[in-house]
Amino acid sequence: MFNFTDGFFNKVEKKTNVDKNTILELAKKLQQNDLKNEGTLREIVQELGKMTGKEVSKEKEDKIVNAVIHDEVPKDINKFF
């Protein structure tokens, strides 16, 4: 796993209002699940939306799930959204 500093987590929390423990729990969940499983991916996408206070439309969810399943996630994630 990556070795992130508290400074990194502070920056993420400031931008997203998601605390370090929540991020670490999500990372653990991601590691323990099959990310090619559509149901798991949809759960994670919705959970991320709730965490960040952003509504994820069905269209955006479909786009994210399909990209992950087909290994089409861009290296620059900002281009994805």
PDB file of N, CA and C in Angstrom:
ATOM      1  N   MET A   1       0.851  -1.179   0.000  1.00  0.00           N
ATOM      2  CA  MET A   1       0.000   0.000   0.000  1.00  0.00           C
ATOM      3  C   MET A   1       0.893   1.239   0.000  1.00  0.00           C
ATOM      4  N   PHE A   2       0.352   2.319  -0.463  1.00  0.00           N
ATOM      5  CA  PHE A   2       1.093   3.572  -0.523  1.00  0.00           C
ATOM      6  C   PHE A   2       1.353   4.095   0.875  1.00  0.00           C
ATOM      7  N   ASN A   3       2.413   4.838   1.025  1.00  0.00           N
ATOM      8  CA  ASN A   3       2.758   5.445   2.299  1.00  0.00           C
ATOM      9  C   ASN A   3       2.452   6.943   2.218  1.00  0.00           C
ATOM     10  N   PHE A   4       1.214   7.310   2.506  1.00  0.00           N
ATOM     11  CA  PHE A   4       0.793   8.697   2.437  1.00  0.00           C
ATOM     12  C   PHE A   4       1.056   9.392   3.756  1.00  0.00           C
ATOM     13  N   THR A   5       1.408  10.652   3.676  1.00  0.00           N
ATOM     14  CA  THR A   5       1.656  11.439   4.879  1.00  0.00           C
ATOM     15  C   THR A   5       0.349  12.058   5.362  1.00  0.00           C
ATOM     16  N   ASP A   6       0.366  12.521   6.600  1.00  0.00           N
ATOM     17  CA  ASP A   6      -0.810  13.198   7.129  1.00  0.00           C
ATOM     18  C   ASP A   6      -1.115  14.453   6.318  1.00  0.00           C
ATOM     19  N   GLY A   7      -0.079  15.084   5.773  1.00  0.00           N
ATOM     20  CA  GLY A   7      -0.283  16.265   4.935  1.00  0.00           C
ATOM     21  C   GLY A   7      -1.141  15.954   3.726  1.00  0.00           C
ATOM     22  N   PHE A   8      -0.891  14.783   3.116  1.00  0.00           N
ATOM     23  CA  PHE A   8      -1.700  14.350   1.977  1.00  0.00           C
ATOM     24  C   PHE A   8      -3.153  14.203   2.399  1.00  0.00           C
ATOM     25  N   PHE A   9      -3.383  13.504   3.499  1.00  0.00           N
ATOM     26  CA  PHE A   9      -4.754  13.291   3.965  1.00  0.00           C
ATOM     27  C   PHE A   9      -5.432  14.608   4.332  1.00  0.00           C
ATOM     28  N   ASN A  10      -4.671  15.542   4.906  1.00  0.00           N
ATOM     29  CA  ASN A  10      -5.233  16.850   5.244  1.00  0.00           C
ATOM     30  C   ASN A  10      -5.690  17.585   3.990  1.00  0.00           C
ATOM     31  N   LYS A  11      -4.891  17.516   2.915  1.00  0.00           N
ATOM     32  CA  LYS A  11      -5.271  18.153   1.656  1.00  0.00           C
ATOM     33  C   LYS A  11      -6.528  17.522   1.079  1.00  0.00           C
ATOM     34  N   VAL A  12      -6.598  16.199   1.098  1.00  0.00           N
ATOM     35  CA  VAL A  12      -7.772  15.501   0.579  1.00  0.00           C
ATOM     36  C   VAL A  12      -9.001  15.858   1.406  1.00  0.00           C
ATOM     37  N   GLU A  13      -8.849  15.854   2.720  1.00  0.00           N
ATOM     38  CA  GLU A  13      -9.983  16.174   3.585  1.00  0.00           C
ATOM     39  C   GLU A  13     -10.470  17.602   3.346  1.00  0.00           C
ATOM     40  N   LYS A  14      -9.547  18.516   3.157  1.00  0.00           N
ATOM     41  CA  LYS A  14      -9.913  19.913   2.929  1.00  0.00           C
ATOM     42  C   LYS A  14     -10.706  20.063   1.628  1.00  0.00           C
ATOM     43  N   LYS A  15     -10.314  19.314   0.601  1.00  0.00           N
ATOM     44  CA  LYS A  15     -10.988  19.412  -0.697  1.00  0.00           C
ATOM     45  C   LYS A  15     -12.313  18.638  -0.729  1.00  0.00           C
ATOM     46  N   THR A  16     -12.387  17.524   0.000  1.00  0.00           N
ATOM     47  CA  THR A  16     -13.540  16.630  -0.145  1.00  0.00           C
ATOM     48  C   THR A  16     -14.404  16.506   1.100  1.00  0.00           C
ATOM     49  N   ASN A  17     -13.920  16.969   2.242  1.00  0.00           N
ATOM     50  CA  ASN A  17     -14.598  16.770   3.527  1.00  0.00           C
ATOM     51  C   ASN A  17     -14.691  15.297   3.915  1.00  0.00           C
ATOM     52  N   VAL A  18     -13.786  14.478   3.394  1.00  0.00           N
ATOM     53  CA  VAL A  18     -13.722  13.060   3.729  1.00  0.00           C
ATOM     54  C   VAL A  18     -12.474  12.861   4.585  1.00  0.00           C
ATOM     55  N   ASP A  19     -12.659  12.327   5.805  1.00  0.00           N
ATOM     56  CA  ASP A  19     -11.523  12.213   6.716  1.00  0.00           C
ATOM     57  C   ASP A  19     -10.634  11.005   6.420  1.00  0.00           C
ATOM     58  N   LYS A  20      -9.465  11.018   7.028  1.00  0.00           N
ATOM     59  CA  LYS A  20      -8.437  10.002   6.807  1.00  0.00           C
ATOM     60  C   LYS A  20      -8.967   8.593   7.065  1.00  0.00           C
ATOM     61  N   ASN A  21      -9.673   8.385   8.163  1.00  0.00           N
ATOM     62  CA  ASN A  21     -10.172   7.045   8.490  1.00  0.00           C
ATOM     63  C   ASN A  21     -11.150   6.539   7.440  1.00  0.00           C
ATOM     64  N   THR A  22     -11.978   7.413   6.921  1.00  0.00           N
ATOM     65  CA  THR A  22     -12.931   7.022   5.879  1.00  0.00           C
ATOM     66  C   THR A  22     -12.185   6.624   4.609  1.00  0.00           C
ATOM     67  N   ILE A  23     -11.148   7.388   4.269  1.00  0.00           N
ATOM     68  CA  ILE A  23     -10.339   7.072   3.089  1.00  0.00           C
ATOM     69  C   ILE A  23      -9.658   5.722   3.260  1.00  0.00           C
ATOM     70  N   LEU A  24      -9.103   5.478   4.430  1.00  0.00           N
ATOM     71  CA  LEU A  24      -8.411   4.206   4.680  1.00  0.00           C
ATOM     72  C   LEU A  24      -9.378   3.029   4.659  1.00  0.00           C
ATOM     73  N   GLU A  25     -10.582   3.224   5.191  1.00  0.00           N
ATOM     74  CA  GLU A  25     -11.589   2.152   5.148  1.00  0.00           C
ATOM     75  C   GLU A  25     -11.993   1.847   3.712  1.00  0.00           C
ATOM     76  N   LEU A  26     -12.152   2.889   2.906  1.00  0.00           N
ATOM     77  CA  LEU A  26     -12.497   2.686   1.503  1.00  0.00           C
ATOM     78  C   LEU A  26     -11.364   1.958   0.778  1.00  0.00           C
ATOM     79  N   ALA A  27     -10.130   2.349   1.049  1.00  0.00           N
ATOM     80  CA  ALA A  27      -8.978   1.680   0.426  1.00  0.00           C
ATOM     81  C   ALA A  27      -8.955   0.200   0.788  1.00  0.00           C
ATOM     82  N   LYS A  28      -9.257  -0.102   2.036  1.00  0.00           N
ATOM     83  CA  LYS A  28      -9.297  -1.498   2.489  1.00  0.00           C
ATOM     84  C   LYS A  28     -10.395  -2.255   1.743  1.00  0.00           C
ATOM     85  N   LYS A  29     -11.549  -1.636   1.597  1.00  0.00           N
ATOM     86  CA  LYS A  29     -12.670  -2.260   0.884  1.00  0.00           C
ATOM     87  C   LYS A  29     -12.298  -2.514  -0.573  1.00  0.00           C
ATOM     88  N   LEU A  30     -11.599  -1.552  -1.185  1.00  0.00           N
ATOM     89  CA  LEU A  30     -11.180  -1.711  -2.577  1.00  0.00           C
ATOM     90  C   LEU A  30     -10.215  -2.877  -2.733  1.00  0.00           C
ATOM     91  N   GLN A  31      -9.307  -3.024  -1.775  1.00  0.00           N
ATOM     92  CA  GLN A  31      -8.327  -4.109  -1.839  1.00  0.00           C
ATOM     93  C   GLN A  31      -8.979  -5.482  -1.677  1.00  0.00           C
ATOM     94  N   GLN A  32     -10.040  -5.540  -0.896  1.00  0.00           N
ATOM     95  CA  GLN A  32     -10.655  -6.818  -0.561  1.00  0.00           C
ATOM     96  C   GLN A  32     -11.722  -7.264  -1.553  1.00  0.00           C
ATOM     97  N   ASN A  33     -12.041  -6.438  -2.525  1.00  0.00           N
ATOM     98  CA  ASN A  33     -13.119  -6.769  -3.446  1.00  0.00           C
ATOM     99  C   ASN A  33     -12.616  -6.893  -4.871  1.00  0.00           C
ATOM    100  N   ASP A  34     -13.410  -7.581  -5.654  1.00  0.00           N
ATOM    101  CA  ASP A  34     -13.133  -7.772  -7.070  1.00  0.00           C
ATOM    102  C   ASP A  34     -13.649  -6.553  -7.822  1.00  0.00           C
ATOM    103  N   LEU A  35     -12.740  -5.748  -8.334  1.00  0.00           N
ATOM    104  CA  LEU A  35     -13.144  -4.528  -9.015  1.00  0.00           C
ATOM    105  C   LEU A  35     -13.622  -4.768 -10.444  1.00  0.00           C
ATOM    106  N   LYS A  36     -13.712  -6.005 -10.835  1.00  0.00           N
ATOM    107  CA  LYS A  36     -14.313  -6.330 -12.130  1.00  0.00           C
ATOM    108  C   LYS A  36     -15.774  -6.749 -11.932  1.00  0.00           C
ATOM    109  N   ASN A  37     -16.206  -6.799 -10.675  1.00  0.00           N
ATOM    110  CA  ASN A  37     -17.586  -7.153 -10.352  1.00  0.00           C
ATOM    111  C   ASN A  37     -18.443  -5.895 -10.422  1.00  0.00           C
ATOM    112  N   GLU A  38     -19.400  -5.890 -11.324  1.00  0.00           N
ATOM    113  CA  GLU A  38     -20.219  -4.697 -11.553  1.00  0.00           C
ATOM    114  C   GLU A  38     -20.957  -4.243 -10.299  1.00  0.00           C
ATOM    115  N   GLY A  39     -21.504  -5.173  -9.545  1.00  0.00           N
ATOM    116  CA  GLY A  39     -22.232  -4.823  -8.322  1.00  0.00           C
ATOM    117  C   GLY A  39     -21.341  -4.138  -7.307  1.00  0.00           C
ATOM    118  N   THR A  40     -20.150  -4.668  -7.121  1.00  0.00           N
ATOM    119  CA  THR A  40     -19.183  -4.076  -6.192  1.00  0.00           C
ATOM    120  C   THR A  40     -18.809  -2.669  -6.643  1.00  0.00           C
ATOM    121  N   LEU A  41     -18.532  -2.520  -7.926  1.00  0.00           N
ATOM    122  CA  LEU A  41     -18.157  -1.211  -8.455  1.00  0.00           C
ATOM    123  C   LEU A  41     -19.270  -0.185  -8.250  1.00  0.00           C
ATOM    124  N   ARG A  42     -20.498  -0.578  -8.505  1.00  0.00           N
ATOM    125  CA  ARG A  42     -21.622   0.354  -8.344  1.00  0.00           C
ATOM    126  C   ARG A  42     -21.765   0.774  -6.878  1.00  0.00           C
ATOM    127  N   GLU A  43     -21.586  -0.170  -5.970  1.00  0.00           N
ATOM    128  CA  GLU A  43     -21.634   0.160  -4.541  1.00  0.00           C
ATOM    129  C   GLU A  43     -20.566   1.180  -4.185  1.00  0.00           C
ATOM    130  N   ILE A  44     -19.355   0.967  -4.675  1.00  0.00           N
ATOM    131  CA  ILE A  44     -18.233   1.846  -4.358  1.00  0.00           C
ATOM    132  C   ILE A  44     -18.450   3.234  -4.958  1.00  0.00           C
ATOM    133  N   VAL A  45     -18.934   3.294  -6.186  1.00  0.00           N
ATOM    134  CA  VAL A  45     -19.192   4.588  -6.823  1.00  0.00           C
ATOM    135  C   VAL A  45     -20.235   5.362  -6.018  1.00  0.00           C
ATOM    136  N   GLN A  46     -21.308   4.693  -5.619  1.00  0.00           N
ATOM    137  CA  GLN A  46     -22.354   5.368  -4.842  1.00  0.00           C
ATOM    138  C   GLN A  46     -21.827   5.794  -3.468  1.00  0.00           C
ATOM    139  N   GLU A  47     -21.016   4.946  -2.855  1.00  0.00           N
ATOM    140  CA  GLU A  47     -20.431   5.275  -1.561  1.00  0.00           C
ATOM    141  C   GLU A  47     -19.527   6.498  -1.662  1.00  0.00           C
ATOM    142  N   LEU A  48     -18.733   6.563  -2.716  1.00  0.00           N
ATOM    143  CA  LEU A  48     -17.875   7.727  -2.934  1.00  0.00           C
ATOM    144  C   LEU A  48     -18.709   8.991  -3.141  1.00  0.00           C
ATOM    145  N   GLY A  49     -19.791   8.864  -3.874  1.00  0.00           N
ATOM    146  CA  GLY A  49     -20.678  10.000  -4.080  1.00  0.00           C
ATOM    147  C   GLY A  49     -21.241  10.515  -2.768  1.00  0.00           C
ATOM    148  N   LYS A  50     -21.685   9.602  -1.920  1.00  0.00           N
ATOM    149  CA  LYS A  50     -22.228   9.995  -0.612  1.00  0.00           C
ATOM    150  C   LYS A  50     -21.156  10.638   0.260  1.00  0.00           C
ATOM    151  N   MET A  51     -19.960  10.052   0.241  1.00  0.00           N
ATOM    152  CA  MET A  51     -18.859  10.580   1.057  1.00  0.00           C
ATOM    153  C   MET A  51     -18.536  12.021   0.696  1.00  0.00           C
ATOM    154  N   THR A  52     -18.552  12.294  -0.592  1.00  0.00           N
ATOM    155  CA  THR A  52     -18.141  13.608  -1.067  1.00  0.00           C
ATOM    156  C   THR A  52     -19.299  14.575  -1.231  1.00  0.00           C
ATOM    157  N   GLY A  53     -20.520  14.081  -1.001  1.00  0.00           N
ATOM    158  CA  GLY A  53     -21.687  14.940  -1.134  1.00  0.00           C
ATOM    159  C   GLY A  53     -22.041  15.237  -2.578  1.00  0.00           C
ATOM    160  N   LYS A  54     -21.592  14.405  -3.485  1.00  0.00           N
ATOM    161  CA  LYS A  54     -21.867  14.604  -4.913  1.00  0.00           C
ATOM    162  C   LYS A  54     -22.851  13.542  -5.383  1.00  0.00           C
ATOM    163  N   GLU A  55     -23.827  13.988  -6.143  1.00  0.00           N
ATOM    164  CA  GLU A  55     -24.774  13.034  -6.710  1.00  0.00           C
ATOM    165  C   GLU A  55     -24.160  12.444  -7.973  1.00  0.00           C
ATOM    166  N   VAL A  56     -24.198  11.127  -8.076  1.00  0.00           N
ATOM    167  CA  VAL A  56     -23.665  10.430  -9.240  1.00  0.00           C
ATOM    168  C   VAL A  56     -24.855   9.967 -10.073  1.00  0.00           C
ATOM    169  N   SER A  57     -24.994  10.560 -11.242  1.00  0.00           N
ATOM    170  CA  SER A  57     -26.106  10.189 -12.116  1.00  0.00           C
ATOM    171  C   SER A  57     -25.924   8.752 -12.602  1.00  0.00           C
ATOM    172  N   LYS A  58     -26.999   8.157 -13.061  1.00  0.00           N
ATOM    173  CA  LYS A  58     -26.953   6.794 -13.601  1.00  0.00           C
ATOM    174  C   LYS A  58     -25.991   6.751 -14.786  1.00  0.00           C
ATOM    175  N   GLU A  59     -26.027   7.787 -15.611  1.00  0.00           N
ATOM    176  CA  GLU A  59     -25.156   7.857 -16.783  1.00  0.00           C
ATOM    177  C   GLU A  59     -23.683   7.894 -16.381  1.00  0.00           C
ATOM    178  N   LYS A  60     -23.359   8.721 -15.390  1.00  0.00           N
ATOM    179  CA  LYS A  60     -21.969   8.830 -14.933  1.00  0.00           C
ATOM    180  C   LYS A  60     -21.539   7.524 -14.262  1.00  0.00           C
ATOM    181  N   GLU A  61     -22.425   6.922 -13.474  1.00  0.00           N
ATOM    182  CA  GLU A  61     -22.110   5.638 -12.834  1.00  0.00           C
ATOM    183  C   GLU A  61     -21.810   4.585 -13.886  1.00  0.00           C
ATOM    184  N   ASP A  62     -22.650   4.512 -14.919  1.00  0.00           N
ATOM    185  CA  ASP A  62     -22.434   3.541 -16.000  1.00  0.00           C
ATOM    186  C   ASP A  62     -21.084   3.764 -16.672  1.00  0.00           C
ATOM    187  N   LYS A  63     -20.751   5.030 -16.910  1.00  0.00           N
ATOM    188  CA  LYS A  63     -19.491   5.367 -17.563  1.00  0.00           C
ATOM    189  C   LYS A  63     -18.302   4.920 -16.712  1.00  0.00           C
ATOM    190  N   ILE A  64     -18.357   5.184 -15.425  1.00  0.00           N
ATOM    191  CA  ILE A  64     -17.277   4.802 -14.513  1.00  0.00           C
ATOM    192  C   ILE A  64     -17.140   3.291 -14.446  1.00  0.00           C
ATOM    193  N   VAL A  65     -18.257   2.596 -14.238  1.00  0.00           N
ATOM    194  CA  VAL A  65     -18.237   1.133 -14.120  1.00  0.00           C
ATOM    195  C   VAL A  65     -17.695   0.499 -15.396  1.00  0.00           C
ATOM    196  N   ASN A  66     -18.177   0.936 -16.539  1.00  0.00           N
ATOM    197  CA  ASN A  66     -17.713   0.363 -17.810  1.00  0.00           C
ATOM    198  C   ASN A  66     -16.228   0.620 -18.032  1.00  0.00           C
ATOM    199  N   ALA A  67     -15.764   1.797 -17.680  1.00  0.00           N
ATOM    200  CA  ALA A  67     -14.342   2.120 -17.857  1.00  0.00           C
ATOM    201  C   ALA A  67     -13.468   1.229 -16.982  1.00  0.00           C
ATOM    202  N   VAL A  68     -13.881   1.012 -15.740  1.00  0.00           N
ATOM    203  CA  VAL A  68     -13.082   0.172 -14.833  1.00  0.00           C
ATOM    204  C   VAL A  68     -13.093  -1.283 -15.299  1.00  0.00           C
ATOM    205  N   ILE A  69     -14.259  -1.788 -15.643  1.00  0.00           N
ATOM    206  CA  ILE A  69     -14.372  -3.188 -16.068  1.00  0.00           C
ATOM    207  C   ILE A  69     -13.543  -3.454 -17.319  1.00  0.00           C
ATOM    208  N   HIS A  70     -13.502  -2.488 -18.224  1.00  0.00           N
ATOM    209  CA  HIS A  70     -12.787  -2.674 -19.492  1.00  0.00           C
ATOM    210  C   HIS A  70     -11.390  -2.055 -19.490  1.00  0.00           C
ATOM    211  N   ASP A  71     -10.859  -1.769 -18.298  1.00  0.00           N
ATOM    212  CA  ASP A  71      -9.505  -1.205 -18.158  1.00  0.00           C
ATOM    213  C   ASP A  71      -9.301   0.032 -19.027  1.00  0.00           C
ATOM    214  N   GLU A  72     -10.287   0.919 -19.027  1.00  0.00           N
ATOM    215  CA  GLU A  72     -10.212   2.134 -19.836  1.00  0.00           C
ATOM    216  C   GLU A  72     -10.131   3.394 -18.981  1.00  0.00           C
ATOM    217  N   VAL A  73      -9.668   3.250 -17.743  1.00  0.00           N
ATOM    218  CA  VAL A  73      -9.549   4.408 -16.872  1.00  0.00           C
ATOM    219  C   VAL A  73      -8.316   5.195 -17.296  1.00  0.00           C
ATOM    220  N   PRO A  74      -8.497   6.480 -17.631  1.00  0.00           N
ATOM    221  CA  PRO A  74      -7.347   7.272 -18.069  1.00  0.00           C
ATOM    222  C   PRO A  74      -6.350   7.494 -16.951  1.00  0.00           C
ATOM    223  N   LYS A  75      -5.108   7.675 -17.315  1.00  0.00           N
ATOM    224  CA  LYS A  75      -4.067   7.934 -16.315  1.00  0.00           C
ATOM    225  C   LYS A  75      -4.318   9.259 -15.612  1.00  0.00           C
ATOM    226  N   ASP A  76      -4.835  10.262 -16.330  1.00  0.00           N
ATOM    227  CA  ASP A  76      -5.198  11.546 -15.740  1.00  0.00           C
ATOM    228  C   ASP A  76      -6.683  11.486 -15.418  1.00  0.00           C
ATOM    229  N   ILE A  77      -7.010  11.170 -14.172  1.00  0.00           N
ATOM    230  CA  ILE A  77      -8.399  10.955 -13.773  1.00  0.00           C
ATOM    231  C   ILE A  77      -9.257  12.195 -13.981  1.00  0.00           C
ATOM    232  N   ASN A  78      -8.655  13.390 -13.996  1.00  0.00           N
ATOM    233  CA  ASN A  78      -9.423  14.607 -14.232  1.00  0.00           C
ATOM    234  C   ASN A  78     -10.061  14.618 -15.622  1.00  0.00           C
ATOM    235  N   LYS A  79      -9.437  13.961 -16.587  1.00  0.00           N
ATOM    236  CA  LYS A  79      -9.998  13.867 -17.933  1.00  0.00           C
ATOM    237  C   LYS A  79     -11.230  12.973 -17.957  1.00  0.00           C
ATOM    238  N   PHE A  80     -11.327  12.074 -17.000  1.00  0.00           N
ATOM    239  CA  PHE A  80     -12.435  11.132 -16.957  1.00  0.00           C
ATOM    240  C   PHE A  80     -13.729  11.835 -16.585  1.00  0.00           C
ATOM    241  N   PHE A  81     -13.637  12.821 -15.717  1.00  0.00           N
ATOM    242  CA  PHE A  81     -14.814  13.529 -15.247  1.00  0.00           C
ATOM    243  C   PHE A  81     -14.925  14.839 -15.955  1.00  0.00           C
TER     244      PHE A  81
END
